[in-house]
């Protein structure tokens, strides 16, 4: 009887172990690459939160999560004038901000944590507004969006309370305000991802346009907080962005700025700050930064 019990226990244990191992193998095989895994990607959060963007008459034209000033629908305003925030004599870049009273205390804390995160490894210093002319005006409007670069006066960064107040989204929209665009729109993106427009929701193709960006000698970054997920704006639950040559690379799942995101800020604004323990294969040093360029 004891022998039978031992044999049965061993058999059940082996079956259980096989089941666990099989589940782990499946998890490893599909982790980050299914539409379910994409539920909390940057692009999915933005897509959900921006469902009603553009329905209010007092809001700017918004393409994806980028606000476009009237008169510049065909080109980013950075191509018309300098769009970097000015550098102070002490080497820091002070960006004034104002947070609307619409937000709860917990939401304000998330936003402020996102603002302060830039000072940890860059020369960007978001500071409370003190009668400066140009500033970032953080409000809860119809979705998540921002202008690209410094526009002048009080420029809106919208963080809707019902879907945008996450650390990753706060950093994402602030990076737009500093002058950065989405990673998958980089000028060299075709060497790193394939855009499958046949799977994109009709009318949303503009989210995948390629831009003649200045990449500051940094490599394409699948882990960037500015990268969309593989199912962004999918009409049929099939991928719209496919990494190449390795199709299994996880994209769009960043919860905070990557080391490469930080490096680009430091290069664009010529900061002396460096991110700790950066392990990045750098490309040739770029030409000097021009104030009338954008990323």
C-alpha atoms as a PDB file:
ATOM      1  CA  UNK A   1       0.000   0.000   0.000  1.00  0.00           C
ATOM      2  CA  UNK A   2       2.868   2.348   0.908  1.00  0.00           C
ATOM      3  CA  UNK A   3       4.648   1.502  -2.334  1.00  0.00           C
ATOM      4  CA  UNK A   4       1.525   2.284  -4.381  1.00  0.00           C
ATOM      5  CA  UNK A   5       1.125   5.597  -2.581  1.00  0.00           C
ATOM      6  CA  UNK A   6       4.740   6.549  -3.260  1.00  0.00           C
ATOM      7  CA  UNK A   7       4.454   5.588  -6.938  1.00  0.00           C
ATOM      8  CA  UNK A   8       1.185   7.525  -7.311  1.00  0.00           C
ATOM      9  CA  UNK A   9       2.657  10.578  -5.590  1.00  0.00           C
ATOM     10  CA  UNK A  10       5.717  10.463  -7.833  1.00  0.00           C
ATOM     11  CA  UNK A  11       3.511  10.177 -10.902  1.00  0.00           C
ATOM     12  CA  UNK A  12       1.319  13.132  -9.865  1.00  0.00           C
ATOM     13  CA  UNK A  13       4.407  15.175  -9.016  1.00  0.00           C
ATOM     14  CA  UNK A  14       5.939  14.486 -12.431  1.00  0.00           C
ATOM     15  CA  UNK A  15       2.697  15.386 -14.195  1.00  0.00           C
ATOM     16  CA  UNK A  16       2.428  18.596 -12.149  1.00  0.00           C
ATOM     17  CA  UNK A  17       6.045  19.498 -12.904  1.00  0.00           C
ATOM     18  CA  UNK A  18       5.534  18.839 -16.606  1.00  0.00           C
ATOM     19  CA  UNK A  19       2.427  21.036 -16.588  1.00  0.00           C
ATOM     20  CA  UNK A  20       4.274  23.875 -14.851  1.00  0.00           C
ATOM     21  CA  UNK A  21       7.248  23.554 -17.195  1.00  0.00           C
ATOM     22  CA  UNK A  22       4.945  23.486 -20.210  1.00  0.00           C
ATOM     23  CA  UNK A  23       3.190  26.621 -18.959  1.00  0.00           C
ATOM     24  CA  UNK A  24       6.502  28.372 -18.380  1.00  0.00           C
ATOM     25  CA  UNK A  25       7.694  27.478 -21.864  1.00  0.00           C
ATOM     26  CA  UNK A  26       4.468  28.837 -23.359  1.00  0.00           C
ATOM     27  CA  UNK A  27       4.773  31.937 -21.191  1.00  0.00           C
ATOM     28  CA  UNK A  28       8.350  32.486 -22.360  1.00  0.00           C
ATOM     29  CA  UNK A  29       7.318  31.897 -25.947  1.00  0.00           C
ATOM     30  CA  UNK A  30       4.447  34.352 -25.963  1.00  0.00           C
ATOM     31  CA  UNK A  31       5.339  36.815 -23.185  1.00  0.00           C
ATOM     32  CA  UNK A  32       4.916  40.361 -24.447  1.00  0.00           C
ATOM     33  CA  UNK A  33       3.843  39.278 -27.913  1.00  0.00           C
ATOM     34  CA  UNK A  34       0.093  38.673 -27.618  1.00  0.00           C
ATOM     35  CA  UNK A  35      -2.636  41.266 -27.799  1.00  0.00           C
ATOM     36  CA  UNK A  36      -3.508  40.450 -24.177  1.00  0.00           C
ATOM     37  CA  UNK A  37       0.066  41.263 -23.140  1.00  0.00           C
ATOM     38  CA  UNK A  38      -0.335  44.581 -24.940  1.00  0.00           C
ATOM     39  CA  UNK A  39      -3.207  45.721 -22.712  1.00  0.00           C
ATOM     40  CA  UNK A  40      -0.987  48.051 -20.697  1.00  0.00           C
ATOM     41  CA  UNK A  41       1.427  49.140 -23.415  1.00  0.00           C
ATOM     42  CA  UNK A  42       1.963  52.861 -23.917  1.00  0.00           C
ATOM     43  CA  UNK A  43       0.043  52.836 -27.193  1.00  0.00           C
ATOM     44  CA  UNK A  44      -2.933  50.889 -25.788  1.00  0.00           C
ATOM     45  CA  UNK A  45      -3.251  53.257 -22.838  1.00  0.00           C
ATOM     46  CA  UNK A  46      -3.084  56.241 -25.199  1.00  0.00           C
ATOM     47  CA  UNK A  47      -5.530  54.718 -27.666  1.00  0.00           C
ATOM     48  CA  UNK A  48      -8.127  54.080 -24.958  1.00  0.00           C
ATOM     49  CA  UNK A  49      -7.691  57.443 -23.271  1.00  0.00           C
ATOM     50  CA  UNK A  50      -7.845  59.344 -26.570  1.00  0.00           C
ATOM     51  CA  UNK A  51     -11.118  57.858 -27.795  1.00  0.00           C
ATOM     52  CA  UNK A  52     -12.843  61.244 -27.409  1.00  0.00           C
ATOM     53  CA  UNK A  53      -9.992  63.542 -28.423  1.00  0.00           C
ATOM     54  CA  UNK A  54     -10.999  66.177 -30.952  1.00  0.00           C
ATOM     55  CA  UNK A  55     -14.640  66.376 -29.932  1.00  0.00           C
ATOM     56  CA  UNK A  56     -14.204  69.563 -27.900  1.00  0.00           C
ATOM     57  CA  UNK A  57     -14.057  72.849 -29.802  1.00  0.00           C
ATOM     58  CA  UNK A  58     -11.596  74.434 -27.354  1.00  0.00           C
ATOM     59  CA  UNK A  59      -8.889  71.836 -27.985  1.00  0.00           C
ATOM     60  CA  UNK A  60      -6.134  71.782 -30.637  1.00  0.00           C
ATOM     61  CA  UNK A  61      -5.929  69.399 -33.562  1.00  0.00           C
ATOM     62  CA  UNK A  62      -4.495  66.171 -32.134  1.00  0.00           C
ATOM     63  CA  UNK A  63      -2.804  63.539 -34.294  1.00  0.00           C
ATOM     64  CA  UNK A  64      -2.280  60.402 -32.232  1.00  0.00           C
ATOM     65  CA  UNK A  65      -1.184  62.014 -28.973  1.00  0.00           C
ATOM     66  CA  UNK A  66       0.603  64.974 -30.565  1.00  0.00           C
ATOM     67  CA  UNK A  67      -1.118  68.359 -30.572  1.00  0.00           C
ATOM     68  CA  UNK A  68      -0.628  70.362 -33.773  1.00  0.00           C
ATOM     69  CA  UNK A  69      -0.910  74.177 -33.742  1.00  0.00           C
ATOM     70  CA  UNK A  70      -3.279  75.756 -36.246  1.00  0.00           C
ATOM     71  CA  UNK A  71      -1.407  76.573 -39.434  1.00  0.00           C
ATOM     72  CA  UNK A  72       1.190  73.833 -39.010  1.00  0.00           C
ATOM     73  CA  UNK A  73      -0.880  70.796 -39.926  1.00  0.00           C
ATOM     74  CA  UNK A  74       1.694  69.603 -42.498  1.00  0.00           C
ATOM     75  CA  UNK A  75       4.870  70.244 -40.537  1.00  0.00           C
ATOM     76  CA  UNK A  76       5.922  70.281 -36.917  1.00  0.00           C
ATOM     77  CA  UNK A  77       6.367  73.817 -35.562  1.00  0.00           C
ATOM     78  CA  UNK A  78       9.966  72.932 -34.697  1.00  0.00           C
ATOM     79  CA  UNK A  79      10.758  73.137 -38.411  1.00  0.00           C
ATOM     80  CA  UNK A  80       9.637  76.764 -38.437  1.00  0.00           C
ATOM     81  CA  UNK A  81      11.428  78.045 -35.312  1.00  0.00           C
ATOM     82  CA  UNK A  82      13.567  76.918 -32.400  1.00  0.00           C
ATOM     83  CA  UNK A  83      11.661  74.526 -30.192  1.00  0.00           C
ATOM     84  CA  UNK A  84      14.126  73.681 -27.450  1.00  0.00           C
ATOM     85  CA  UNK A  85      13.662  75.046 -23.957  1.00  0.00           C
ATOM     86  CA  UNK A  86      16.418  77.567 -23.138  1.00  0.00           C
ATOM     87  CA  UNK A  87      19.462  76.553 -21.149  1.00  0.00           C
ATOM     88  CA  UNK A  88      20.365  78.502 -18.037  1.00  0.00           C
ATOM     89  CA  UNK A  89      23.917  79.759 -17.330  1.00  0.00           C
ATOM     90  CA  UNK A  90      24.177  77.140 -14.564  1.00  0.00           C
ATOM     91  CA  UNK A  91      23.867  74.376 -17.177  1.00  0.00           C
ATOM     92  CA  UNK A  92      20.307  73.348 -16.316  1.00  0.00           C
ATOM     93  CA  UNK A  93      17.179  73.671 -18.463  1.00  0.00           C
ATOM     94  CA  UNK A  94      14.339  75.052 -16.383  1.00  0.00           C
ATOM     95  CA  UNK A  95      10.859  74.213 -17.685  1.00  0.00           C
ATOM     96  CA  UNK A  96       8.102  75.962 -15.698  1.00  0.00           C
ATOM     97  CA  UNK A  97       4.897  74.027 -15.133  1.00  0.00           C
ATOM     98  CA  UNK A  98       1.443  74.507 -13.696  1.00  0.00           C
ATOM     99  CA  UNK A  99      -0.798  71.623 -12.631  1.00  0.00           C
ATOM    100  CA  UNK A 100      -4.556  72.144 -12.803  1.00  0.00           C
ATOM    101  CA  UNK A 101      -6.660  71.843  -9.663  1.00  0.00           C
ATOM    102  CA  UNK A 102      -8.718  69.244 -11.529  1.00  0.00           C
ATOM    103  CA  UNK A 103      -6.395  66.524 -10.250  1.00  0.00           C
ATOM    104  CA  UNK A 104      -6.730  64.738  -6.922  1.00  0.00           C
ATOM    105  CA  UNK A 105      -3.853  64.692  -4.444  1.00  0.00           C
ATOM    106  CA  UNK A 106      -2.858  61.160  -5.501  1.00  0.00           C
ATOM    107  CA  UNK A 107      -2.927  62.153  -9.179  1.00  0.00           C
ATOM    108  CA  UNK A 108      -0.824  65.244  -8.468  1.00  0.00           C
ATOM    109  CA  UNK A 109       1.730  63.055  -6.709  1.00  0.00           C
ATOM    110  CA  UNK A 110       2.020  60.777  -9.764  1.00  0.00           C
ATOM    111  CA  UNK A 111       2.440  63.796 -12.049  1.00  0.00           C
ATOM    112  CA  UNK A 112       5.007  65.471  -9.784  1.00  0.00           C
ATOM    113  CA  UNK A 113       6.953  62.208  -9.509  1.00  0.00           C
ATOM    114  CA  UNK A 114       7.076  62.119 -13.321  1.00  0.00           C
ATOM    115  CA  UNK A 115       8.237  65.742 -13.469  1.00  0.00           C
ATOM    116  CA  UNK A 116      10.957  65.163 -10.878  1.00  0.00           C
ATOM    117  CA  UNK A 117      12.214  61.980 -12.533  1.00  0.00           C
ATOM    118  CA  UNK A 118      13.956  64.028 -15.232  1.00  0.00           C
ATOM    119  CA  UNK A 119      16.228  65.731 -12.695  1.00  0.00           C
ATOM    120  CA  UNK A 120      17.627  62.388 -11.524  1.00  0.00           C
ATOM    121  CA  UNK A 121      19.700  61.833 -14.668  1.00  0.00           C
ATOM    122  CA  UNK A 122      19.405  64.893 -16.947  1.00  0.00           C
ATOM    123  CA  UNK A 123      19.779  68.669 -16.732  1.00  0.00           C
ATOM    124  CA  UNK A 124      16.014  69.153 -17.172  1.00  0.00           C
ATOM    125  CA  UNK A 125      14.413  70.812 -14.170  1.00  0.00           C
ATOM    126  CA  UNK A 126      10.638  71.134 -14.158  1.00  0.00           C
ATOM    127  CA  UNK A 127       9.879  73.984 -11.756  1.00  0.00           C
ATOM    128  CA  UNK A 128       6.597  75.498 -10.523  1.00  0.00           C
ATOM    129  CA  UNK A 129       5.438  78.442 -12.591  1.00  0.00           C
ATOM    130  CA  UNK A 130       6.575  81.802 -11.255  1.00  0.00           C
ATOM    131  CA  UNK A 131       5.353  84.371 -13.770  1.00  0.00           C
ATOM    132  CA  UNK A 132       7.433  83.016 -16.679  1.00  0.00           C
ATOM    133  CA  UNK A 133       5.935  83.499 -20.140  1.00  0.00           C
ATOM    134  CA  UNK A 134       6.501  80.008 -21.517  1.00  0.00           C
ATOM    135  CA  UNK A 135       5.400  77.037 -19.449  1.00  0.00           C
ATOM    136  CA  UNK A 136       3.834  73.590 -19.537  1.00  0.00           C
ATOM    137  CA  UNK A 137       0.165  73.783 -18.568  1.00  0.00           C
ATOM    138  CA  UNK A 138      -0.851  70.330 -17.303  1.00  0.00           C
ATOM    139  CA  UNK A 139      -4.604  69.789 -17.490  1.00  0.00           C
ATOM    140  CA  UNK A 140      -7.116  66.957 -17.611  1.00  0.00           C
ATOM    141  CA  UNK A 141      -8.653  67.359 -21.044  1.00  0.00           C
ATOM    142  CA  UNK A 142     -10.190  64.785 -23.391  1.00  0.00           C
ATOM    143  CA  UNK A 143      -7.145  62.491 -23.582  1.00  0.00           C
ATOM    144  CA  UNK A 144      -3.354  62.233 -23.382  1.00  0.00           C
ATOM    145  CA  UNK A 145      -1.494  64.619 -25.692  1.00  0.00           C
ATOM    146  CA  UNK A 146       1.196  67.259 -25.953  1.00  0.00           C
ATOM    147  CA  UNK A 147       2.764  69.608 -28.459  1.00  0.00           C
ATOM    148  CA  UNK A 148       6.255  68.643 -29.651  1.00  0.00           C
ATOM    149  CA  UNK A 149       8.881  71.011 -28.268  1.00  0.00           C
ATOM    150  CA  UNK A 150       8.487  74.494 -26.801  1.00  0.00           C
ATOM    151  CA  UNK A 151       5.603  76.272 -28.457  1.00  0.00           C
ATOM    152  CA  UNK A 152       5.477  79.437 -26.383  1.00  0.00           C
ATOM    153  CA  UNK A 153       3.135  80.771 -23.697  1.00  0.00           C
ATOM    154  CA  UNK A 154       1.151  78.214 -21.693  1.00  0.00           C
ATOM    155  CA  UNK A 155       1.205  75.076 -23.833  1.00  0.00           C
ATOM    156  CA  UNK A 156      -1.187  72.294 -22.913  1.00  0.00           C
ATOM    157  CA  UNK A 157      -0.064  68.866 -21.806  1.00  0.00           C
ATOM    158  CA  UNK A 158      -3.279  66.916 -21.384  1.00  0.00           C
ATOM    159  CA  UNK A 159      -3.380  64.031 -18.899  1.00  0.00           C
ATOM    160  CA  UNK A 160      -6.974  62.922 -18.682  1.00  0.00           C
ATOM    161  CA  UNK A 161      -7.799  61.675 -15.188  1.00  0.00           C
ATOM    162  CA  UNK A 162      -9.529  58.601 -16.614  1.00  0.00           C
ATOM    163  CA  UNK A 163      -6.614  56.913 -18.295  1.00  0.00           C
ATOM    164  CA  UNK A 164      -3.504  59.097 -18.557  1.00  0.00           C
ATOM    165  CA  UNK A 165      -2.188  59.533 -15.027  1.00  0.00           C
ATOM    166  CA  UNK A 166       0.471  56.818 -15.112  1.00  0.00           C
ATOM    167  CA  UNK A 167       4.198  57.373 -14.609  1.00  0.00           C
ATOM    168  CA  UNK A 168       5.019  56.104 -18.107  1.00  0.00           C
ATOM    169  CA  UNK A 169       2.397  58.313 -19.774  1.00  0.00           C
ATOM    170  CA  UNK A 170       3.491  61.385 -17.815  1.00  0.00           C
ATOM    171  CA  UNK A 171       7.103  60.864 -18.961  1.00  0.00           C
ATOM    172  CA  UNK A 172       5.942  60.107 -22.521  1.00  0.00           C
ATOM    173  CA  UNK A 173       3.982  63.352 -22.880  1.00  0.00           C
ATOM    174  CA  UNK A 174       6.692  65.430 -21.215  1.00  0.00           C
ATOM    175  CA  UNK A 175       9.244  63.999 -23.651  1.00  0.00           C
ATOM    176  CA  UNK A 176       7.021  65.284 -26.464  1.00  0.00           C
ATOM    177  CA  UNK A 177       7.043  68.712 -24.795  1.00  0.00           C
ATOM    178  CA  UNK A 178      10.857  68.574 -24.672  1.00  0.00           C
ATOM    179  CA  UNK A 179      11.023  67.951 -28.429  1.00  0.00           C
ATOM    180  CA  UNK A 180      10.897  64.169 -28.921  1.00  0.00           C
ATOM    181  CA  UNK A 181       8.697  62.149 -31.232  1.00  0.00           C
ATOM    182  CA  UNK A 182       7.693  58.480 -31.213  1.00  0.00           C
ATOM    183  CA  UNK A 183      10.433  55.898 -31.622  1.00  0.00           C
ATOM    184  CA  UNK A 184       8.692  54.009 -34.432  1.00  0.00           C
ATOM    185  CA  UNK A 185       8.606  57.209 -36.524  1.00  0.00           C
ATOM    186  CA  UNK A 186      12.425  57.500 -36.584  1.00  0.00           C
ATOM    187  CA  UNK A 187      14.034  58.115 -39.954  1.00  0.00           C
ATOM    188  CA  UNK A 188      15.823  54.747 -39.757  1.00  0.00           C
ATOM    189  CA  UNK A 189      12.865  52.751 -38.434  1.00  0.00           C
ATOM    190  CA  UNK A 190      12.592  50.554 -41.548  1.00  0.00           C
ATOM    191  CA  UNK A 191      15.815  48.857 -40.488  1.00  0.00           C
ATOM    192  CA  UNK A 192      14.297  47.852 -37.157  1.00  0.00           C
ATOM    193  CA  UNK A 193      10.528  47.437 -37.533  1.00  0.00           C
ATOM    194  CA  UNK A 194       8.066  46.638 -40.274  1.00  0.00           C
ATOM    195  CA  UNK A 195       4.837  48.650 -40.282  1.00  0.00           C
ATOM    196  CA  UNK A 196       1.857  46.519 -41.303  1.00  0.00           C
ATOM    197  CA  UNK A 197      -0.595  49.147 -42.552  1.00  0.00           C
ATOM    198  CA  UNK A 198      -3.005  46.460 -43.744  1.00  0.00           C
ATOM    199  CA  UNK A 199      -3.802  45.814 -40.067  1.00  0.00           C
ATOM    200  CA  UNK A 200      -4.224  49.462 -39.052  1.00  0.00           C
ATOM    201  CA  UNK A 201      -7.641  50.974 -38.333  1.00  0.00           C
ATOM    202  CA  UNK A 202      -8.625  53.074 -41.375  1.00  0.00           C
ATOM    203  CA  UNK A 203      -7.896  56.729 -40.697  1.00  0.00           C
ATOM    204  CA  UNK A 204      -5.184  55.947 -38.132  1.00  0.00           C
ATOM    205  CA  UNK A 205      -2.332  55.488 -40.597  1.00  0.00           C
ATOM    206  CA  UNK A 206      -0.885  58.880 -39.613  1.00  0.00           C
ATOM    207  CA  UNK A 207       0.304  57.349 -36.343  1.00  0.00           C
ATOM    208  CA  UNK A 208       2.866  55.364 -38.335  1.00  0.00           C
ATOM    209  CA  UNK A 209       4.294  58.064 -40.596  1.00  0.00           C
ATOM    210  CA  UNK A 210       8.076  58.225 -40.824  1.00  0.00           C
ATOM    211  CA  UNK A 211       9.763  61.506 -39.889  1.00  0.00           C
ATOM    212  CA  UNK A 212      13.182  62.823 -40.861  1.00  0.00           C
ATOM    213  CA  UNK A 213      14.376  62.839 -37.270  1.00  0.00           C
ATOM    214  CA  UNK A 214      17.791  63.649 -35.874  1.00  0.00           C
ATOM    215  CA  UNK A 215      18.718  60.571 -33.895  1.00  0.00           C
ATOM    216  CA  UNK A 216      21.684  62.051 -32.025  1.00  0.00           C
ATOM    217  CA  UNK A 217      23.945  59.085 -32.741  1.00  0.00           C
ATOM    218  CA  UNK A 218      21.841  56.745 -30.593  1.00  0.00           C
ATOM    219  CA  UNK A 219      20.600  53.289 -31.608  1.00  0.00           C
ATOM    220  CA  UNK A 220      16.979  52.377 -32.267  1.00  0.00           C
ATOM    221  CA  UNK A 221      15.441  51.560 -28.896  1.00  0.00           C
ATOM    222  CA  UNK A 222      12.699  48.925 -28.590  1.00  0.00           C
ATOM    223  CA  UNK A 223      12.595  49.684 -24.832  1.00  0.00           C
ATOM    224  CA  UNK A 224      11.969  53.406 -25.224  1.00  0.00           C
ATOM    225  CA  UNK A 225       9.017  54.870 -23.349  1.00  0.00           C
ATOM    226  CA  UNK A 226       8.255  56.550 -26.699  1.00  0.00           C
ATOM    227  CA  UNK A 227       7.766  53.233 -28.555  1.00  0.00           C
ATOM    228  CA  UNK A 228       4.271  51.991 -29.390  1.00  0.00           C
ATOM    229  CA  UNK A 229       3.222  48.375 -28.858  1.00  0.00           C
ATOM    230  CA  UNK A 230       2.979  45.804 -31.629  1.00  0.00           C
ATOM    231  CA  UNK A 231      -0.845  45.950 -31.746  1.00  0.00           C
ATOM    232  CA  UNK A 232      -1.164  49.745 -31.763  1.00  0.00           C
ATOM    233  CA  UNK A 233      -4.345  50.822 -33.577  1.00  0.00           C
ATOM    234  CA  UNK A 234      -4.973  47.296 -34.862  1.00  0.00           C
ATOM    235  CA  UNK A 235      -8.301  46.694 -36.590  1.00  0.00           C
ATOM    236  CA  UNK A 236      -8.133  42.900 -36.537  1.00  0.00           C
ATOM    237  CA  UNK A 237      -6.070  41.893 -33.467  1.00  0.00           C
ATOM    238  CA  UNK A 238      -3.066  41.381 -35.730  1.00  0.00           C
ATOM    239  CA  UNK A 239       0.263  43.210 -35.261  1.00  0.00           C
ATOM    240  CA  UNK A 240       0.747  46.657 -36.771  1.00  0.00           C
ATOM    241  CA  UNK A 241       4.421  46.965 -35.754  1.00  0.00           C
ATOM    242  CA  UNK A 242       6.724  43.974 -36.184  1.00  0.00           C
ATOM    243  CA  UNK A 243      10.333  44.088 -34.942  1.00  0.00           C
ATOM    244  CA  UNK A 244      12.954  42.898 -37.446  1.00  0.00           C
ATOM    245  CA  UNK A 245      14.971  40.776 -37.824  1.00  0.00           C
ATOM    246  CA  UNK A 246      13.873  39.248 -34.493  1.00  0.00           C
ATOM    247  CA  UNK A 247      10.071  39.291 -34.570  1.00  0.00           C
ATOM    248  CA  UNK A 248       9.878  38.208 -30.908  1.00  0.00           C
ATOM    249  CA  UNK A 249      11.450  41.320 -29.414  1.00  0.00           C
ATOM    250  CA  UNK A 250       9.089  42.921 -26.873  1.00  0.00           C
ATOM    251  CA  UNK A 251       8.132  46.502 -27.777  1.00  0.00           C
ATOM    252  CA  UNK A 252       6.002  49.215 -26.231  1.00  0.00           C
ATOM    253  CA  UNK A 253       6.030  47.818 -22.710  1.00  0.00           C
ATOM    254  CA  UNK A 254       8.229  50.437 -21.011  1.00  0.00           C
ATOM    255  CA  UNK A 255       7.111  51.662 -17.604  1.00  0.00           C
ATOM    256  CA  UNK A 256       9.680  54.460 -17.487  1.00  0.00           C
ATOM    257  CA  UNK A 257      12.340  56.169 -19.586  1.00  0.00           C
ATOM    258  CA  UNK A 258      15.035  53.846 -20.886  1.00  0.00           C
ATOM    259  CA  UNK A 259      18.781  54.598 -20.618  1.00  0.00           C
ATOM    260  CA  UNK A 260      18.698  55.576 -24.301  1.00  0.00           C
ATOM    261  CA  UNK A 261      15.784  57.986 -23.705  1.00  0.00           C
ATOM    262  CA  UNK A 262      17.873  59.620 -20.998  1.00  0.00           C
ATOM    263  CA  UNK A 263      20.978  59.748 -23.182  1.00  0.00           C
ATOM    264  CA  UNK A 264      19.053  61.520 -25.942  1.00  0.00           C
ATOM    265  CA  UNK A 265      17.820  64.201 -23.570  1.00  0.00           C
ATOM    266  CA  UNK A 266      21.367  64.787 -22.389  1.00  0.00           C
ATOM    267  CA  UNK A 267      22.643  64.998 -25.963  1.00  0.00           C
ATOM    268  CA  UNK A 268      19.849  67.184 -27.287  1.00  0.00           C
ATOM    269  CA  UNK A 269      20.191  69.693 -24.445  1.00  0.00           C
ATOM    270  CA  UNK A 270      23.950  69.209 -24.065  1.00  0.00           C
ATOM    271  CA  UNK A 271      23.651  68.251 -20.430  1.00  0.00           C
ATOM    272  CA  UNK A 272      26.636  67.311 -18.327  1.00  0.00           C
ATOM    273  CA  UNK A 273      24.408  64.774 -16.561  1.00  0.00           C
ATOM    274  CA  UNK A 274      24.825  61.084 -17.342  1.00  0.00           C
ATOM    275  CA  UNK A 275      22.533  58.205 -16.530  1.00  0.00           C
ATOM    276  CA  UNK A 276      24.115  55.721 -14.100  1.00  0.00           C
ATOM    277  CA  UNK A 277      25.604  52.549 -15.581  1.00  0.00           C
ATOM    278  CA  UNK A 278      24.555  53.221 -19.158  1.00  0.00           C
ATOM    279  CA  UNK A 279      25.240  50.185 -21.330  1.00  0.00           C
ATOM    280  CA  UNK A 280      24.556  51.544 -24.810  1.00  0.00           C
ATOM    281  CA  UNK A 281      26.350  50.876 -28.066  1.00  0.00           C
ATOM    282  CA  UNK A 282      26.759  54.375 -29.411  1.00  0.00           C
ATOM    283  CA  UNK A 283      26.778  55.343 -33.061  1.00  0.00           C
ATOM    284  CA  UNK A 284      29.147  58.005 -34.466  1.00  0.00           C
ATOM    285  CA  UNK A 285      28.932  61.359 -32.711  1.00  0.00           C
ATOM    286  CA  UNK A 286      26.214  63.521 -34.315  1.00  0.00           C
ATOM    287  CA  UNK A 287      26.617  66.976 -35.756  1.00  0.00           C
ATOM    288  CA  UNK A 288      25.988  69.899 -33.358  1.00  0.00           C
ATOM    289  CA  UNK A 289      22.374  70.310 -32.280  1.00  0.00           C
ATOM    290  CA  UNK A 290      20.399  72.921 -34.194  1.00  0.00           C
ATOM    291  CA  UNK A 291      17.588  74.729 -32.416  1.00  0.00           C
ATOM    292  CA  UNK A 292      15.272  74.343 -35.385  1.00  0.00           C
ATOM    293  CA  UNK A 293      15.347  70.553 -35.401  1.00  0.00           C
ATOM    294  CA  UNK A 294      13.218  68.097 -33.525  1.00  0.00           C
ATOM    295  CA  UNK A 295      13.178  64.400 -32.671  1.00  0.00           C
END
